[in-house]
Amino acid sequence: MMKIPYTLVKMRPELGAELRRARTARGLSLDAAGRAANISQGYLHKLEAGRVDSPSPRVLQRLGEVLGVPYRRLMDLAGYLPPDVAPRPRGESAMPTGAPPTNHELARLLERVLEELTELRRDQRALAEALARAAPHES
């Protein structure tokens, strides 16, 4: 039987500290920040206390917007970014600064994205085939 690798996402303890720091720096209570991010005060308290193993990326996005913390940083602290993806420094954009990219540069970037998506699709198919082979057959 083929063993299928997986990674359990576990929130890093620094996420809670970062959320608390950003919230208090903005002078927001747990209730005010929670309401603005459309989450409960209790859930935000659990996030800040490090008692949530896998916070929702959507929740992190909303909290980032409310607290002024880049989404990429929160995703990194939540353990969602692969280890080989180094997070950019705070405030650094994914797009280069200066002149906007040329059409040729954009085309190259899009080709890379398409290649990665194709590879992911191949991996999905291989996983589906492995699961189908591993599933007991009905007689």
C-alpha atoms as a PDB file:
ATOM      1  CA  MET A   1       0.000   0.000   0.000  1.00  0.00           C
ATOM      2  CA  MET A   2       1.296   3.439  -0.945  1.00  0.00           C
ATOM      3  CA  LYS A   3       1.797   5.788   1.990  1.00  0.00           C
ATOM      4  CA  ILE A   4       0.377   9.248   1.343  1.00  0.00           C
ATOM      5  CA  PRO A   5       2.366  12.026   3.015  1.00  0.00           C
ATOM      6  CA  TYR A   6       0.538  14.853   4.722  1.00  0.00           C
ATOM      7  CA  THR A   7       1.431  17.724   6.982  1.00  0.00           C
ATOM      8  CA  LEU A   8      -0.517  18.625  10.084  1.00  0.00           C
ATOM      9  CA  VAL A   9      -0.762  22.401  10.325  1.00  0.00           C
ATOM     10  CA  LYS A  10      -0.098  23.652  13.832  1.00  0.00           C
ATOM     11  CA  MET A  11      -0.301  27.305  14.728  1.00  0.00           C
ATOM     12  CA  ARG A  12       2.984  28.801  15.944  1.00  0.00           C
ATOM     13  CA  PRO A  13       2.738  30.431  19.397  1.00  0.00           C
ATOM     14  CA  GLU A  14       3.959  33.725  17.957  1.00  0.00           C
ATOM     15  CA  LEU A  15       0.645  34.178  16.121  1.00  0.00           C
ATOM     16  CA  GLY A  16      -1.282  34.857  19.302  1.00  0.00           C
ATOM     17  CA  ALA A  17       1.322  37.318  20.540  1.00  0.00           C
ATOM     18  CA  GLU A  18       1.323  39.108  17.175  1.00  0.00           C
ATOM     19  CA  LEU A  19      -2.472  39.395  17.165  1.00  0.00           C
ATOM     20  CA  ARG A  20      -2.536  40.707  20.743  1.00  0.00           C
ATOM     21  CA  ARG A  21       0.260  43.202  20.029  1.00  0.00           C
ATOM     22  CA  ALA A  22      -1.484  44.536  16.920  1.00  0.00           C
ATOM     23  CA  ARG A  23      -4.871  44.735  18.642  1.00  0.00           C
ATOM     24  CA  THR A  24      -3.572  46.619  21.683  1.00  0.00           C
ATOM     25  CA  ALA A  25      -1.438  48.903  19.478  1.00  0.00           C
ATOM     26  CA  ARG A  26      -4.663  49.947  17.740  1.00  0.00           C
ATOM     27  CA  GLY A  27      -6.409  50.407  21.080  1.00  0.00           C
ATOM     28  CA  LEU A  28      -9.044  47.789  20.320  1.00  0.00           C
ATOM     29  CA  SER A  29     -10.744  45.592  22.874  1.00  0.00           C
ATOM     30  CA  LEU A  30     -11.257  41.890  22.164  1.00  0.00           C
ATOM     31  CA  ASP A  31     -14.912  42.648  21.518  1.00  0.00           C
ATOM     32  CA  ALA A  32     -14.279  45.564  19.136  1.00  0.00           C
ATOM     33  CA  ALA A  33     -11.624  43.695  17.134  1.00  0.00           C
ATOM     34  CA  GLY A  34     -13.773  40.570  17.003  1.00  0.00           C
ATOM     35  CA  ARG A  35     -16.825  42.466  15.804  1.00  0.00           C
ATOM     36  CA  ALA A  36     -14.791  44.274  13.132  1.00  0.00           C
ATOM     37  CA  ALA A  37     -13.355  40.944  11.904  1.00  0.00           C
ATOM     38  CA  ASN A  38     -16.738  39.194  12.174  1.00  0.00           C
ATOM     39  CA  ILE A  39     -15.552  36.659  14.764  1.00  0.00           C
ATOM     40  CA  SER A  40     -16.515  36.190  18.385  1.00  0.00           C
ATOM     41  CA  GLN A  41     -14.604  37.779  21.233  1.00  0.00           C
ATOM     42  CA  GLY A  42     -14.093  34.292  22.662  1.00  0.00           C
ATOM     43  CA  TYR A  43     -12.545  32.951  19.453  1.00  0.00           C
ATOM     44  CA  LEU A  44     -10.174  35.921  19.238  1.00  0.00           C
ATOM     45  CA  HIS A  45      -9.219  35.351  22.877  1.00  0.00           C
ATOM     46  CA  LYS A  46      -8.456  31.688  22.086  1.00  0.00           C
ATOM     47  CA  LEU A  47      -6.371  32.745  19.068  1.00  0.00           C
ATOM     48  CA  GLU A  48      -4.364  35.194  21.172  1.00  0.00           C
ATOM     49  CA  ALA A  49      -3.889  32.553  23.883  1.00  0.00           C
ATOM     50  CA  GLY A  50      -2.610  30.038  21.305  1.00  0.00           C
ATOM     51  CA  ARG A  51      -5.484  27.620  21.901  1.00  0.00           C
ATOM     52  CA  VAL A  52      -6.493  27.232  18.237  1.00  0.00           C
ATOM     53  CA  ASP A  53      -4.515  24.650  16.288  1.00  0.00           C
ATOM     54  CA  SER A  54      -5.580  25.557  12.752  1.00  0.00           C
ATOM     55  CA  PRO A  55      -7.162  28.991  12.431  1.00  0.00           C
ATOM     56  CA  SER A  56      -9.157  29.611   9.286  1.00  0.00           C
ATOM     57  CA  PRO A  57      -7.259  31.514   6.579  1.00  0.00           C
ATOM     58  CA  ARG A  58     -10.416  33.597   6.044  1.00  0.00           C
ATOM     59  CA  VAL A  59     -10.426  34.598   9.701  1.00  0.00           C
ATOM     60  CA  LEU A  60      -6.733  35.471   9.478  1.00  0.00           C
ATOM     61  CA  GLN A  61      -7.403  37.608   6.416  1.00  0.00           C
ATOM     62  CA  ARG A  62     -10.160  39.548   8.173  1.00  0.00           C
ATOM     63  CA  LEU A  63      -8.057  39.970  11.320  1.00  0.00           C
ATOM     64  CA  GLY A  64      -5.109  41.157   9.251  1.00  0.00           C
ATOM     65  CA  GLU A  65      -7.267  43.827   7.639  1.00  0.00           C
ATOM     66  CA  VAL A  66      -8.684  44.977  10.984  1.00  0.00           C
ATOM     67  CA  LEU A  67      -5.362  44.908  12.844  1.00  0.00           C
ATOM     68  CA  GLY A  68      -3.100  46.122  10.041  1.00  0.00           C
ATOM     69  CA  VAL A  69      -1.017  42.941   9.916  1.00  0.00           C
ATOM     70  CA  PRO A  70      -0.056  41.558   6.481  1.00  0.00           C
ATOM     71  CA  TYR A  71      -2.003  38.409   5.595  1.00  0.00           C
ATOM     72  CA  ARG A  72       1.190  36.621   4.497  1.00  0.00           C
ATOM     73  CA  ARG A  73       2.712  37.179   7.950  1.00  0.00           C
ATOM     74  CA  LEU A  74      -0.355  35.760   9.689  1.00  0.00           C
ATOM     75  CA  MET A  75      -0.379  32.761   7.330  1.00  0.00           C
ATOM     76  CA  ASP A  76       3.288  32.145   8.124  1.00  0.00           C
ATOM     77  CA  LEU A  77       2.718  32.411  11.875  1.00  0.00           C
ATOM     78  CA  ALA A  78      -0.284  30.091  11.568  1.00  0.00           C
ATOM     79  CA  GLY A  79       1.996  27.484   9.961  1.00  0.00           C
ATOM     80  CA  TYR A  80       0.325  27.526   6.544  1.00  0.00           C
ATOM     81  CA  LEU A  81       3.356  28.558   4.483  1.00  0.00           C
ATOM     82  CA  PRO A  82       5.696  25.758   3.418  1.00  0.00           C
ATOM     83  CA  PRO A  83       9.090  25.868   5.137  1.00  0.00           C
ATOM     84  CA  ASP A  84      10.870  26.561   1.848  1.00  0.00           C
ATOM     85  CA  VAL A  85       8.861  29.765   1.315  1.00  0.00           C
ATOM     86  CA  ALA A  86      10.658  32.492   3.191  1.00  0.00           C
ATOM     87  CA  PRO A  87       8.219  35.153   4.355  1.00  0.00           C
ATOM     88  CA  ARG A  88       8.847  38.611   2.998  1.00  0.00           C
ATOM     89  CA  PRO A  89       9.766  41.301   5.513  1.00  0.00           C
ATOM     90  CA  ARG A  90       6.849  43.294   6.903  1.00  0.00           C
ATOM     91  CA  GLY A  91       5.291  45.589   4.389  1.00  0.00           C
ATOM     92  CA  GLU A  92       7.177  44.170   1.397  1.00  0.00           C
ATOM     93  CA  SER A  93       4.969  43.639  -1.614  1.00  0.00           C
ATOM     94  CA  ALA A  94       4.862  40.546  -3.794  1.00  0.00           C
ATOM     95  CA  MET A  95       5.296  42.815  -6.808  1.00  0.00           C
ATOM     96  CA  PRO A  96       8.598  44.568  -7.381  1.00  0.00           C
ATOM     97  CA  THR A  97       8.663  48.248  -6.600  1.00  0.00           C
ATOM     98  CA  GLY A  98       9.441  50.851  -9.196  1.00  0.00           C
ATOM     99  CA  ALA A  99       8.282  50.530 -12.779  1.00  0.00           C
ATOM    100  CA  PRO A 100       5.288  48.277 -13.368  1.00  0.00           C
ATOM    101  CA  PRO A 101       6.130  44.887 -14.862  1.00  0.00           C
ATOM    102  CA  THR A 102       6.185  44.605 -18.611  1.00  0.00           C
ATOM    103  CA  ASN A 103       3.761  42.366 -20.475  1.00  0.00           C
ATOM    104  CA  HIS A 104       6.644  39.975 -21.124  1.00  0.00           C
ATOM    105  CA  GLU A 105       7.439  39.795 -17.375  1.00  0.00           C
ATOM    106  CA  LEU A 106       3.772  39.248 -16.548  1.00  0.00           C
ATOM    107  CA  ALA A 107       3.563  36.516 -19.170  1.00  0.00           C
ATOM    108  CA  ARG A 108       6.587  34.755 -17.598  1.00  0.00           C
ATOM    109  CA  LEU A 109       5.027  35.000 -14.147  1.00  0.00           C
ATOM    110  CA  LEU A 110       1.734  33.628 -15.419  1.00  0.00           C
ATOM    111  CA  GLU A 111       3.556  30.763 -17.147  1.00  0.00           C
ATOM    112  CA  ARG A 112       5.187  29.860 -13.825  1.00  0.00           C
ATOM    113  CA  VAL A 113       1.807  29.933 -12.093  1.00  0.00           C
ATOM    114  CA  LEU A 114       0.324  27.736 -14.812  1.00  0.00           C
ATOM    115  CA  GLU A 115       3.202  25.263 -14.449  1.00  0.00           C
ATOM    116  CA  GLU A 116       2.642  25.080 -10.699  1.00  0.00           C
ATOM    117  CA  LEU A 117      -1.095  24.583 -11.160  1.00  0.00           C
ATOM    118  CA  THR A 118      -0.445  21.826 -13.691  1.00  0.00           C
ATOM    119  CA  GLU A 119       1.892  20.122 -11.243  1.00  0.00           C
ATOM    120  CA  LEU A 120      -0.704  20.397  -8.472  1.00  0.00           C
ATOM    121  CA  ARG A 121      -3.309  18.877 -10.787  1.00  0.00           C
ATOM    122  CA  ARG A 122      -0.947  15.978 -11.535  1.00  0.00           C
ATOM    123  CA  ASP A 123      -0.419  15.475  -7.805  1.00  0.00           C
ATOM    124  CA  GLN A 124      -4.188  15.515  -7.217  1.00  0.00           C
ATOM    125  CA  ARG A 125      -4.730  12.885  -9.894  1.00  0.00           C
ATOM    126  CA  ALA A 126      -1.956  10.703  -8.462  1.00  0.00           C
ATOM    127  CA  LEU A 127      -3.483  11.048  -5.000  1.00  0.00           C
ATOM    128  CA  ALA A 128      -6.960  10.179  -6.284  1.00  0.00           C
ATOM    129  CA  GLU A 129      -5.562   7.116  -8.082  1.00  0.00           C
ATOM    130  CA  ALA A 130      -3.676   6.027  -4.955  1.00  0.00           C
ATOM    131  CA  LEU A 131      -6.810   6.418  -2.848  1.00  0.00           C
ATOM    132  CA  ALA A 132      -8.853   4.461  -5.376  1.00  0.00           C
ATOM    133  CA  ARG A 133      -6.296   1.631  -5.322  1.00  0.00           C
ATOM    134  CA  ALA A 134      -6.180   1.633  -1.527  1.00  0.00           C
ATOM    135  CA  ALA A 135      -9.987   1.600  -1.121  1.00  0.00           C
ATOM    136  CA  PRO A 136     -11.529  -1.815  -0.590  1.00  0.00           C
ATOM    137  CA  HIS A 137     -13.263  -3.062  -3.741  1.00  0.00           C
ATOM    138  CA  GLU A 138     -16.924  -3.967  -3.583  1.00  0.00           C
ATOM    139  CA  SER A 139     -17.805  -7.450  -4.840  1.00  0.00           C
END
